[in-house]
Amino acid sequence: MHDARHQYDEDRLRDLFARGLDAPADDGFTDAVMSRIQRRLRTRKTVLTIATVTGGLLALGPAYDLSLAFSNAIAQATAGWGETDWLPQYRVLAMAALTAILAPVVTAILDD
């Protein structure tokens, strides 16, 4: 039943478009709407990028403090283990990598 109805609709649409009707004149309306949509998208992406960069810069202080606390916790947790003395030394690098990974994710979430 569904296939027959679907085929009927397809046939009607094919007949409608086969007539070769002239496109209605829009006096530039379509171009104006499309340029406005493009402008809004460009503005939105710019604002989201600026907000993400600003938020990331503002989060550097607390992130550095967290990395210090985290590296101290790692140093205490791994004390006495062989070959783990280097872990706390890379706290800034680890936080920078985490920020670089999370920034596009946050931007994508905000964009939706």
PDB file of N, CA and C in Angstrom:
ATOM      1  N   MET A   1       0.828  -1.189   0.000  1.00  0.00           N
ATOM      2  CA  MET A   1       0.000   0.000   0.000  1.00  0.00           C
ATOM      3  C   MET A   1       0.874   1.254   0.000  1.00  0.00           C
ATOM      4  N   HIS A   2       1.899   1.212   0.836  1.00  0.00           N
ATOM      5  CA  HIS A   2       2.777   2.379   0.921  1.00  0.00           C
ATOM      6  C   HIS A   2       3.531   2.591  -0.391  1.00  0.00           C
ATOM      7  N   ASP A   3       3.986   1.508  -1.013  1.00  0.00           N
ATOM      8  CA  ASP A   3       4.737   1.625  -2.258  1.00  0.00           C
ATOM      9  C   ASP A   3       3.875   2.183  -3.383  1.00  0.00           C
ATOM     10  N   ALA A   4       2.613   1.773  -3.427  1.00  0.00           N
ATOM     11  CA  ALA A   4       1.711   2.275  -4.465  1.00  0.00           C
ATOM     12  C   ALA A   4       1.474   3.774  -4.282  1.00  0.00           C
ATOM     13  N   ARG A   5       1.296   4.205  -3.051  1.00  0.00           N
ATOM     14  CA  ARG A   5       1.082   5.632  -2.767  1.00  0.00           C
ATOM     15  C   ARG A   5       2.345   6.430  -3.098  1.00  0.00           C
ATOM     16  N   HIS A   6       3.472   5.879  -2.745  1.00  0.00           N
ATOM     17  CA  HIS A   6       4.740   6.546  -3.022  1.00  0.00           C
ATOM     18  C   HIS A   6       4.962   6.684  -4.536  1.00  0.00           C
ATOM     19  N   GLN A   7       4.675   5.621  -5.273  1.00  0.00           N
ATOM     20  CA  GLN A   7       4.834   5.665  -6.729  1.00  0.00           C
ATOM     21  C   GLN A   7       3.876   6.681  -7.350  1.00  0.00           C
ATOM     22  N   TYR A   8       2.650   6.759  -6.826  1.00  0.00           N
ATOM     23  CA  TYR A   8       1.668   7.726  -7.320  1.00  0.00           C
ATOM     24  C   TYR A   8       2.181   9.149  -7.102  1.00  0.00           C
ATOM     25  N   ASP A   9       2.740   9.424  -5.924  1.00  0.00           N
ATOM     26  CA  ASP A   9       3.292  10.753  -5.640  1.00  0.00           C
ATOM     27  C   ASP A   9       4.476  11.053  -6.550  1.00  0.00           C
ATOM     28  N   GLU A  10       5.329  10.064  -6.764  1.00  0.00           N
ATOM     29  CA  GLU A  10       6.473  10.256  -7.653  1.00  0.00           C
ATOM     30  C   GLU A  10       6.017  10.580  -9.071  1.00  0.00           C
ATOM     31  N   ASP A  11       5.006   9.860  -9.556  1.00  0.00           N
ATOM     32  CA  ASP A  11       4.496  10.109 -10.905  1.00  0.00           C
ATOM     33  C   ASP A  11       3.911  11.505 -11.021  1.00  0.00           C
ATOM     34  N   ARG A  12       3.184  11.928 -10.022  1.00  0.00           N
ATOM     35  CA  ARG A  12       2.589  13.278 -10.050  1.00  0.00           C
ATOM     36  C   ARG A  12       3.669  14.348 -10.036  1.00  0.00           C
ATOM     37  N   LEU A  13       4.703  14.161  -9.205  1.00  0.00           N
ATOM     38  CA  LEU A  13       5.802  15.132  -9.171  1.00  0.00           C
ATOM     39  C   LEU A  13       6.550  15.159 -10.499  1.00  0.00           C
ATOM     40  N   ARG A  14       6.788  13.995 -11.089  1.00  0.00           N
ATOM     41  CA  ARG A  14       7.470  13.930 -12.376  1.00  0.00           C
ATOM     42  C   ARG A  14       6.651  14.655 -13.447  1.00  0.00           C
ATOM     43  N   ASP A  15       5.328  14.473 -13.437  1.00  0.00           N
ATOM     44  CA  ASP A  15       4.459  15.162 -14.391  1.00  0.00           C
ATOM     45  C   ASP A  15       4.488  16.669 -14.181  1.00  0.00           C
ATOM     46  N   LEU A  16       4.505  17.088 -12.917  1.00  0.00           N
ATOM     47  CA  LEU A  16       4.515  18.519 -12.615  1.00  0.00           C
ATOM     48  C   LEU A  16       5.797  19.178 -13.120  1.00  0.00           C
ATOM     49  N   PHE A  17       6.923  18.539 -12.877  1.00  0.00           N
ATOM     50  CA  PHE A  17       8.192  19.130 -13.302  1.00  0.00           C
ATOM     51  C   PHE A  17       8.452  18.959 -14.792  1.00  0.00           C
ATOM     52  N   ALA A  18       7.772  18.012 -15.429  1.00  0.00           N
ATOM     53  CA  ALA A  18       7.956  17.790 -16.863  1.00  0.00           C
ATOM     54  C   ALA A  18       7.265  18.872 -17.691  1.00  0.00           C
ATOM     55  N   ARG A  19       6.391  19.638 -17.110  1.00  0.00           N
ATOM     56  CA  ARG A  19       5.655  20.672 -17.845  1.00  0.00           C
ATOM     57  C   ARG A  19       6.564  21.812 -18.300  1.00  0.00           C
ATOM     58  N   GLY A  20       7.677  21.993 -17.646  1.00  0.00           N
ATOM     59  CA  GLY A  20       8.591  23.050 -18.049  1.00  0.00           C
ATOM     60  C   GLY A  20       8.069  24.437 -17.685  1.00  0.00           C
ATOM     61  N   LEU A  21       7.516  24.567 -16.511  1.00  0.00           N
ATOM     62  CA  LEU A  21       6.999  25.858 -16.064  1.00  0.00           C
ATOM     63  C   LEU A  21       8.144  26.832 -15.849  1.00  0.00           C
ATOM     64  N   ASP A  22       7.872  28.083 -16.110  1.00  0.00           N
ATOM     65  CA  ASP A  22       8.875  29.115 -15.871  1.00  0.00           C
ATOM     66  C   ASP A  22       9.007  29.354 -14.374  1.00  0.00           C
ATOM     67  N   ALA A  23      10.232  29.635 -13.964  1.00  0.00           N
ATOM     68  CA  ALA A  23      10.467  29.941 -12.551  1.00  0.00           C
ATOM     69  C   ALA A  23       9.882  31.316 -12.232  1.00  0.00           C
ATOM     70  N   PRO A  24       9.227  31.436 -11.089  1.00  0.00           N
ATOM     71  CA  PRO A  24       8.665  32.738 -10.732  1.00  0.00           C
ATOM     72  C   PRO A  24       9.770  33.756 -10.486  1.00  0.00           C
ATOM     73  N   ALA A  25       9.522  34.985 -10.863  1.00  0.00           N
ATOM     74  CA  ALA A  25      10.507  36.051 -10.660  1.00  0.00           C
ATOM     75  C   ALA A  25      10.551  36.408  -9.175  1.00  0.00           C
ATOM     76  N   ASP A  26      11.747  36.513  -8.660  1.00  0.00           N
ATOM     77  CA  ASP A  26      11.852  36.849  -7.240  1.00  0.00           C
ATOM     78  C   ASP A  26      12.545  38.189  -7.004  1.00  0.00           C
ATOM     79  N   ASP A  27      12.928  38.852  -8.056  1.00  0.00           N
ATOM     80  CA  ASP A  27      13.539  40.184  -7.962  1.00  0.00           C
ATOM     81  C   ASP A  27      14.719  40.224  -6.990  1.00  0.00           C
ATOM     82  N   GLY A  28      15.525  39.185  -6.994  1.00  0.00           N
ATOM     83  CA  GLY A  28      16.716  39.163  -6.145  1.00  0.00           C
ATOM     84  C   GLY A  28      16.462  38.713  -4.719  1.00  0.00           C
ATOM     85  N   PHE A  29      15.233  38.286  -4.421  1.00  0.00           N
ATOM     86  CA  PHE A  29      14.899  37.866  -3.057  1.00  0.00           C
ATOM     87  C   PHE A  29      15.739  36.664  -2.623  1.00  0.00           C
ATOM     88  N   THR A  30      15.859  35.678  -3.495  1.00  0.00           N
ATOM     89  CA  THR A  30      16.616  34.474  -3.160  1.00  0.00           C
ATOM     90  C   THR A  30      18.078  34.803  -2.873  1.00  0.00           C
ATOM     91  N   ASP A  31      18.665  35.647  -3.701  1.00  0.00           N
ATOM     92  CA  ASP A  31      20.069  36.032  -3.473  1.00  0.00           C
ATOM     93  C   ASP A  31      20.228  36.786  -2.154  1.00  0.00           C
ATOM     94  N   ALA A  32      19.277  37.659  -1.839  1.00  0.00           N
ATOM     95  CA  ALA A  32      19.342  38.416  -0.583  1.00  0.00           C
ATOM     96  C   ALA A  32      19.239  37.488   0.623  1.00  0.00           C
ATOM     97  N   VAL A  33      18.323  36.528   0.554  1.00  0.00           N
ATOM     98  CA  VAL A  33      18.155  35.588   1.659  1.00  0.00           C
ATOM     99  C   VAL A  33      19.405  34.727   1.821  1.00  0.00           C
ATOM    100  N   MET A  34      19.942  34.235   0.719  1.00  0.00           N
ATOM    101  CA  MET A  34      21.124  33.388   0.795  1.00  0.00           C
ATOM    102  C   MET A  34      22.334  34.148   1.333  1.00  0.00           C
ATOM    103  N   SER A  35      22.502  35.399   0.927  1.00  0.00           N
ATOM    104  CA  SER A  35      23.637  36.174   1.445  1.00  0.00           C
ATOM    105  C   SER A  35      23.457  36.464   2.933  1.00  0.00           C
ATOM    106  N   ARG A  36      22.210  36.664   3.357  1.00  0.00           N
ATOM    107  CA  ARG A  36      21.961  36.918   4.772  1.00  0.00           C
ATOM    108  C   ARG A  36      22.254  35.661   5.598  1.00  0.00           C
ATOM    109  N   ILE A  37      21.868  34.507   5.078  1.00  0.00           N
ATOM    110  CA  ILE A  37      22.151  33.249   5.772  1.00  0.00           C
ATOM    111  C   ILE A  37      23.659  33.030   5.869  1.00  0.00           C
ATOM    112  N   GLN A  38      24.378  33.275   4.769  1.00  0.00           N
ATOM    113  CA  GLN A  38      25.829  33.117   4.782  1.00  0.00           C
ATOM    114  C   GLN A  38      26.484  34.066   5.782  1.00  0.00           C
ATOM    115  N   ARG A  39      25.979  35.301   5.844  1.00  0.00           N
ATOM    116  CA  ARG A  39      26.519  36.281   6.786  1.00  0.00           C
ATOM    117  C   ARG A  39      26.293  35.823   8.225  1.00  0.00           C
ATOM    118  N   ARG A  40      25.105  35.302   8.511  1.00  0.00           N
ATOM    119  CA  ARG A  40      24.815  34.820   9.866  1.00  0.00           C
ATOM    120  C   ARG A  40      25.702  33.630  10.235  1.00  0.00           C
ATOM    121  N   LEU A  41      25.901  32.720   9.292  1.00  0.00           N
ATOM    122  CA  LEU A  41      26.768  31.575   9.563  1.00  0.00           C
ATOM    123  C   LEU A  41      28.205  32.012   9.814  1.00  0.00           C
ATOM    124  N   ARG A  42      28.678  32.953   9.006  1.00  0.00           N
ATOM    125  CA  ARG A  42      30.043  33.459   9.178  1.00  0.00           C
ATOM    126  C   ARG A  42      30.183  34.159  10.530  1.00  0.00           C
ATOM    127  N   THR A  43      29.183  34.963  10.903  1.00  0.00           N
ATOM    128  CA  THR A  43      29.209  35.652  12.191  1.00  0.00           C
ATOM    129  C   THR A  43      29.192  34.655  13.336  1.00  0.00           C
ATOM    130  N   ARG A  44      28.345  33.636  13.220  1.00  0.00           N
ATOM    131  CA  ARG A  44      28.250  32.631  14.277  1.00  0.00           C
ATOM    132  C   ARG A  44      29.570  31.891  14.453  1.00  0.00           C
ATOM    133  N   LYS A  45      30.185  31.481  13.353  1.00  0.00           N
ATOM    134  CA  LYS A  45      31.455  30.763  13.453  1.00  0.00           C
ATOM    135  C   LYS A  45      32.551  31.657  14.036  1.00  0.00           C
ATOM    136  N   THR A  46      32.560  32.923  13.660  1.00  0.00           N
ATOM    137  CA  THR A  46      33.548  33.856  14.189  1.00  0.00           C
ATOM    138  C   THR A  46      33.370  34.048  15.687  1.00  0.00           C
ATOM    139  N   VAL A  47      32.132  34.248  16.121  1.00  0.00           N
ATOM    140  CA  VAL A  47      31.858  34.453  17.546  1.00  0.00           C
ATOM    141  C   VAL A  47      32.218  33.201  18.340  1.00  0.00           C
ATOM    142  N   LEU A  48      31.873  32.025  17.828  1.00  0.00           N
ATOM    143  CA  LEU A  48      32.205  30.789  18.536  1.00  0.00           C
ATOM    144  C   LEU A  48      33.714  30.578  18.624  1.00  0.00           C
ATOM    145  N   THR A  49      34.429  30.915  17.573  1.00  0.00           N
ATOM    146  CA  THR A  49      35.882  30.782  17.598  1.00  0.00           C
ATOM    147  C   THR A  49      36.492  31.735  18.618  1.00  0.00           C
ATOM    148  N   ILE A  50      36.042  32.976  18.604  1.00  0.00           N
ATOM    149  CA  ILE A  50      36.551  33.964  19.567  1.00  0.00           C
ATOM    150  C   ILE A  50      36.217  33.538  20.992  1.00  0.00           C
ATOM    151  N   ALA A  51      34.997  33.051  21.218  1.00  0.00           N
ATOM    152  CA  ALA A  51      34.592  32.619  22.558  1.00  0.00           C
ATOM    153  C   ALA A  51      35.419  31.425  23.033  1.00  0.00           C
ATOM    154  N   THR A  52      35.698  30.491  22.136  1.00  0.00           N
ATOM    155  CA  THR A  52      36.487  29.320  22.509  1.00  0.00           C
ATOM    156  C   THR A  52      37.924  29.712  22.844  1.00  0.00           C
ATOM    157  N   VAL A  53      38.505  30.577  22.034  1.00  0.00           N
ATOM    158  CA  VAL A  53      39.877  31.022  22.295  1.00  0.00           C
ATOM    159  C   VAL A  53      39.937  31.819  23.603  1.00  0.00           C
ATOM    160  N   THR A  54      38.979  32.722  23.802  1.00  0.00           N
ATOM    161  CA  THR A  54      38.954  33.519  25.033  1.00  0.00           C
ATOM    162  C   THR A  54      38.757  32.629  26.252  1.00  0.00           C
ATOM    163  N   GLY A  55      37.831  31.688  26.160  1.00  0.00           N
ATOM    164  CA  GLY A  55      37.615  30.759  27.275  1.00  0.00           C
ATOM    165  C   GLY A  55      38.843  29.926  27.564  1.00  0.00           C
ATOM    166  N   GLY A  56      39.516  29.491  26.507  1.00  0.00           N
ATOM    167  CA  GLY A  56      40.743  28.726  26.698  1.00  0.00           C
ATOM    168  C   GLY A  56      41.826  29.546  27.382  1.00  0.00           C
ATOM    169  N   LEU A  57      41.954  30.807  26.980  1.00  0.00           N
ATOM    170  CA  LEU A  57      42.951  31.677  27.611  1.00  0.00           C
ATOM    171  C   LEU A  57      42.609  31.960  29.072  1.00  0.00           C
ATOM    172  N   LEU A  58      41.325  32.170  29.352  1.00  0.00           N
ATOM    173  CA  LEU A  58      40.917  32.403  30.738  1.00  0.00           C
ATOM    174  C   LEU A  58      41.083  31.157  31.606  1.00  0.00           C
ATOM    175  N   ALA A  59      40.998  30.003  30.982  1.00  0.00           N
ATOM    176  CA  ALA A  59      41.113  28.751  31.729  1.00  0.00           C
ATOM    177  C   ALA A  59      42.561  28.336  31.954  1.00  0.00           C
ATOM    178  N   LEU A  60      43.513  29.048  31.363  1.00  0.00           N
ATOM    179  CA  LEU A  60      44.911  28.652  31.517  1.00  0.00           C
ATOM    180  C   LEU A  60      45.390  28.700  32.968  1.00  0.00           C
ATOM    181  N   GLY A  61      44.994  29.737  33.696  1.00  0.00           N
ATOM    182  CA  GLY A  61      45.416  29.855  35.103  1.00  0.00           C
ATOM    183  C   GLY A  61      44.925  28.686  35.944  1.00  0.00           C
ATOM    184  N   PRO A  62      43.602  28.474  35.992  1.00  0.00           N
ATOM    185  CA  PRO A  62      43.108  27.320  36.754  1.00  0.00           C
ATOM    186  C   PRO A  62      43.627  25.980  36.210  1.00  0.00           C
ATOM    187  N   ALA A  63      43.797  25.885  34.909  1.00  0.00           N
ATOM    188  CA  ALA A  63      44.304  24.635  34.330  1.00  0.00           C
ATOM    189  C   ALA A  63      45.738  24.382  34.781  1.00  0.00           C
ATOM    190  N   TYR A  64      46.529  25.440  34.863  1.00  0.00           N
ATOM    191  CA  TYR A  64      47.901  25.274  35.324  1.00  0.00           C
ATOM    192  C   TYR A  64      47.911  24.835  36.794  1.00  0.00           C
ATOM    193  N   ASP A  65      47.042  25.449  37.607  1.00  0.00           N
ATOM    194  CA  ASP A  65      46.950  25.049  39.017  1.00  0.00           C
ATOM    195  C   ASP A  65      46.529  23.586  39.141  1.00  0.00           C
ATOM    196  N   LEU A  66      45.568  23.186  38.322  1.00  0.00           N
ATOM    197  CA  LEU A  66      45.137  21.782  38.328  1.00  0.00           C
ATOM    198  C   LEU A  66      46.261  20.851  37.884  1.00  0.00           C
ATOM    199  N   SER A  67      47.035  21.305  36.897  1.00  0.00           N
ATOM    200  CA  SER A  67      48.138  20.460  36.437  1.00  0.00           C
ATOM    201  C   SER A  67      49.204  20.307  37.518  1.00  0.00           C
ATOM    202  N   LEU A  68      49.438  21.373  38.293  1.00  0.00           N
ATOM    203  CA  LEU A  68      50.386  21.264  39.404  1.00  0.00           C
ATOM    204  C   LEU A  68      49.892  20.267  40.437  1.00  0.00           C
ATOM    205  N   ALA A  69      48.614  20.376  40.803  1.00  0.00           N
ATOM    206  CA  ALA A  69      48.052  19.449  41.781  1.00  0.00           C
ATOM    207  C   ALA A  69      48.062  18.028  41.238  1.00  0.00           C
ATOM    208  N   PHE A  70      47.736  17.882  39.967  1.00  0.00           N
ATOM    209  CA  PHE A  70      47.712  16.564  39.349  1.00  0.00           C
ATOM    210  C   PHE A  70      49.111  15.964  39.293  1.00  0.00           C
ATOM    211  N   SER A  71      50.101  16.784  38.950  1.00  0.00           N
ATOM    212  CA  SER A  71      51.464  16.253  38.871  1.00  0.00           C
ATOM    213  C   SER A  71      51.979  15.884  40.253  1.00  0.00           C
ATOM    214  N   ASN A  72      51.587  16.656  41.280  1.00  0.00           N
ATOM    215  CA  ASN A  72      51.980  16.284  42.646  1.00  0.00           C
ATOM    216  C   ASN A  72      51.323  14.964  43.052  1.00  0.00           C
ATOM    217  N   ALA A  73      50.078  14.793  42.663  1.00  0.00           N
ATOM    218  CA  ALA A  73      49.380  13.540  42.974  1.00  0.00           C
ATOM    219  C   ALA A  73      50.033  12.374  42.234  1.00  0.00           C
ATOM    220  N   ILE A  74      50.422  12.602  40.991  1.00  0.00           N
ATOM    221  CA  ILE A  74      51.104  11.542  40.238  1.00  0.00           C
ATOM    222  C   ILE A  74      52.443  11.210  40.886  1.00  0.00           C
ATOM    223  N   ALA A  75      53.161  12.257  41.313  1.00  0.00           N
ATOM    224  CA  ALA A  75      54.473  12.022  41.939  1.00  0.00           C
ATOM    225  C   ALA A  75      54.314  11.210  43.218  1.00  0.00           C
ATOM    226  N   GLN A  76      53.276  11.508  44.014  1.00  0.00           N
ATOM    227  CA  GLN A  76      53.061  10.764  45.252  1.00  0.00           C
ATOM    228  C   GLN A  76      52.582   9.341  44.972  1.00  0.00           C
ATOM    229  N   ALA A  77      51.717   9.201  43.973  1.00  0.00           N
ATOM    230  CA  ALA A  77      51.156   7.884  43.673  1.00  0.00           C
ATOM    231  C   ALA A  77      52.203   6.950  43.070  1.00  0.00           C
ATOM    232  N   THR A  78      53.133   7.515  42.327  1.00  0.00           N
ATOM    233  CA  THR A  78      54.125   6.666  41.652  1.00  0.00           C
ATOM    234  C   THR A  78      55.479   6.674  42.347  1.00  0.00           C
ATOM    235  N   ALA A  79      55.523   7.218  43.554  1.00  0.00           N
ATOM    236  CA  ALA A  79      56.804   7.262  44.284  1.00  0.00           C
ATOM    237  C   ALA A  79      57.287   5.832  44.527  1.00  0.00           C
ATOM    238  N   GLY A  80      58.521   5.609  44.207  1.00  0.00           N
ATOM    239  CA  GLY A  80      59.103   4.293  44.408  1.00  0.00           C
ATOM    240  C   GLY A  80      58.981   3.379  43.202  1.00  0.00           C
ATOM    241  N   TRP A  81      58.159   3.737  42.243  1.00  0.00           N
ATOM    242  CA  TRP A  81      58.063   2.932  41.033  1.00  0.00           C
ATOM    243  C   TRP A  81      59.247   3.274  40.145  1.00  0.00           C
ATOM    244  N   GLY A  82      59.765   2.342  39.491  1.00  0.00           N
ATOM    245  CA  GLY A  82      60.879   2.592  38.590  1.00  0.00           C
ATOM    246  C   GLY A  82      60.406   3.235  37.294  1.00  0.00           C
ATOM    247  N   GLU A  83      61.214   4.104  36.744  1.00  0.00           N
ATOM    248  CA  GLU A  83      60.975   4.717  35.435  1.00  0.00           C
ATOM    249  C   GLU A  83      59.743   5.627  35.375  1.00  0.00           C
ATOM    250  N   THR A  84      59.281   6.189  36.495  1.00  0.00           N
ATOM    251  CA  THR A  84      58.119   7.086  36.448  1.00  0.00           C
ATOM    252  C   THR A  84      58.445   8.479  36.972  1.00  0.00           C
ATOM    253  N   ASP A  85      59.694   8.770  37.200  1.00  0.00           N
ATOM    254  CA  ASP A  85      60.060  10.074  37.728  1.00  0.00           C
ATOM    255  C   ASP A  85      59.822  11.200  36.725  1.00  0.00           C
ATOM    256  N   TRP A  86      59.739  10.886  35.471  1.00  0.00           N
ATOM    257  CA  TRP A  86      59.567  11.900  34.430  1.00  0.00           C
ATOM    258  C   TRP A  86      58.130  12.387  34.309  1.00  0.00           C
ATOM    259  N   LEU A  87      57.132  11.640  34.831  1.00  0.00           N
ATOM    260  CA  LEU A  87      55.725  11.995  34.649  1.00  0.00           C
ATOM    261  C   LEU A  87      55.369  13.397  35.149  1.00  0.00           C
ATOM    262  N   PRO A  88      55.728  13.792  36.366  1.00  0.00           N
ATOM    263  CA  PRO A  88      55.331  15.131  36.827  1.00  0.00           C
ATOM    264  C   PRO A  88      55.986  16.280  36.058  1.00  0.00           C
ATOM    265  N   GLN A  89      57.074  16.013  35.373  1.00  0.00           N
ATOM    266  CA  GLN A  89      57.778  17.076  34.672  1.00  0.00           C
ATOM    267  C   GLN A  89      57.030  17.556  33.429  1.00  0.00           C
ATOM    268  N   TYR A  90      56.144  16.770  32.923  1.00  0.00           N
ATOM    269  CA  TYR A  90      55.448  17.112  31.678  1.00  0.00           C
ATOM    270  C   TYR A  90      54.020  17.601  31.917  1.00  0.00           C
ATOM    271  N   ARG A  91      53.752  18.191  33.058  1.00  0.00           N
ATOM    272  CA  ARG A  91      52.394  18.620  33.399  1.00  0.00           C
ATOM    273  C   ARG A  91      51.890  19.714  32.465  1.00  0.00           C
ATOM    274  N   VAL A  92      52.732  20.682  32.130  1.00  0.00           N
ATOM    275  CA  VAL A  92      52.308  21.771  31.252  1.00  0.00           C
ATOM    276  C   VAL A  92      52.037  21.239  29.847  1.00  0.00           C
ATOM    277  N   LEU A  93      52.898  20.368  29.384  1.00  0.00           N
ATOM    278  CA  LEU A  93      52.698  19.760  28.068  1.00  0.00           C
ATOM    279  C   LEU A  93      51.409  18.944  28.038  1.00  0.00           C
ATOM    280  N   ALA A  94      51.135  18.218  29.099  1.00  0.00           N
ATOM    281  CA  ALA A  94      49.911  17.413  29.163  1.00  0.00           C
ATOM    282  C   ALA A  94      48.669  18.305  29.162  1.00  0.00           C
ATOM    283  N   MET A  95      48.697  19.398  29.893  1.00  0.00           N
ATOM    284  CA  MET A  95      47.542  20.306  29.921  1.00  0.00           C
ATOM    285  C   MET A  95      47.374  21.003  28.574  1.00  0.00           C
ATOM    286  N   ALA A  96      48.457  21.359  27.927  1.00  0.00           N
ATOM    287  CA  ALA A  96      48.356  21.985  26.600  1.00  0.00           C
ATOM    288  C   ALA A  96      47.775  21.003  25.593  1.00  0.00           C
ATOM    289  N   ALA A  97      48.198  19.759  25.663  1.00  0.00           N
ATOM    290  CA  ALA A  97      47.656  18.748  24.749  1.00  0.00           C
ATOM    291  C   ALA A  97      46.180  18.508  25.022  1.00  0.00           C
ATOM    292  N   LEU A  98      45.811  18.451  26.280  1.00  0.00           N
ATOM    293  CA  LEU A  98      44.402  18.264  26.631  1.00  0.00           C
ATOM    294  C   LEU A  98      43.561  19.438  26.146  1.00  0.00           C
ATOM    295  N   THR A  99      44.059  20.646  26.315  1.00  0.00           N
ATOM    296  CA  THR A  99      43.341  21.832  25.837  1.00  0.00           C
ATOM    297  C   THR A  99      43.221  21.816  24.318  1.00  0.00           C
ATOM    298  N   ALA A 100      44.291  21.445  23.629  1.00  0.00           N
ATOM    299  CA  ALA A 100      44.253  21.396  22.169  1.00  0.00           C
ATOM    300  C   ALA A 100      43.279  20.338  21.669  1.00  0.00           C
ATOM    301  N   ILE A 101      43.136  19.265  22.403  1.00  0.00           N
ATOM    302  CA  ILE A 101      42.201  18.218  22.007  1.00  0.00           C
ATOM    303  C   ILE A 101      40.769  18.638  22.300  1.00  0.00           C
ATOM    304  N   LEU A 102      40.543  19.275  23.432  1.00  0.00           N
ATOM    305  CA  LEU A 102      39.173  19.614  23.838  1.00  0.00           C
ATOM    306  C   LEU A 102      38.615  20.858  23.161  1.00  0.00           C
ATOM    307  N   ALA A 103      39.451  21.773  22.699  1.00  0.00           N
ATOM    308  CA  ALA A 103      38.951  23.016  22.102  1.00  0.00           C
ATOM    309  C   ALA A 103      38.058  22.766  20.889  1.00  0.00           C
ATOM    310  N   PRO A 104      38.450  21.948  19.918  1.00  0.00           N
ATOM    311  CA  PRO A 104      37.546  21.689  18.797  1.00  0.00           C
ATOM    312  C   PRO A 104      36.270  20.957  19.213  1.00  0.00           C
ATOM    313  N   VAL A 105      36.374  20.111  20.229  1.00  0.00           N
ATOM    314  CA  VAL A 105      35.192  19.390  20.704  1.00  0.00           C
ATOM    315  C   VAL A 105      34.191  20.375  21.296  1.00  0.00           C
ATOM    316  N   VAL A 106      34.695  21.298  22.129  1.00  0.00           N
ATOM    317  CA  VAL A 106      33.821  22.301  22.740  1.00  0.00           C
ATOM    318  C   VAL A 106      33.192  23.186  21.668  1.00  0.00           C
ATOM    319  N   THR A 107      33.961  23.585  20.676  1.00  0.00           N
ATOM    320  CA  THR A 107      33.434  24.403  19.601  1.00  0.00           C
ATOM    321  C   THR A 107      32.352  23.656  18.829  1.00  0.00           C
ATOM    322  N   ALA A 108      32.572  22.393  18.554  1.00  0.00           N
ATOM    323  CA  ALA A 108      31.570  21.601  17.836  1.00  0.00           C
ATOM    324  C   ALA A 108      30.297  21.456  18.655  1.00  0.00           C
ATOM    325  N   ILE A 109      30.425  21.275  19.959  1.00  0.00           N
ATOM    326  CA  ILE A 109      29.237  21.160  20.813  1.00  0.00           C
ATOM    327  C   ILE A 109      28.481  22.474  20.832  1.00  0.00           C
ATOM    328  N   LEU A 110      29.195  23.591  20.934  1.00  0.00           N
ATOM    329  CA  LEU A 110      28.533  24.894  20.946  1.00  0.00           C
ATOM    330  C   LEU A 110      27.906  25.231  19.601  1.00  0.00           C
ATOM    331  N   ASP A 111      28.498  24.735  18.527  1.00  0.00           N
ATOM    332  CA  ASP A 111      27.979  25.028  17.192  1.00  0.00           C
ATOM    333  C   ASP A 111      26.657  24.338  16.941  1.00  0.00           C
ATOM    334  N   ASP A 112      26.439  23.185  17.568  1.00  0.00           N
ATOM    335  CA  ASP A 112      25.175  22.467  17.388  1.00  0.00           C
ATOM    336  C   ASP A 112      24.136  23.160  18.187  1.00  0.00           C
TER     337      ASP A 112
END
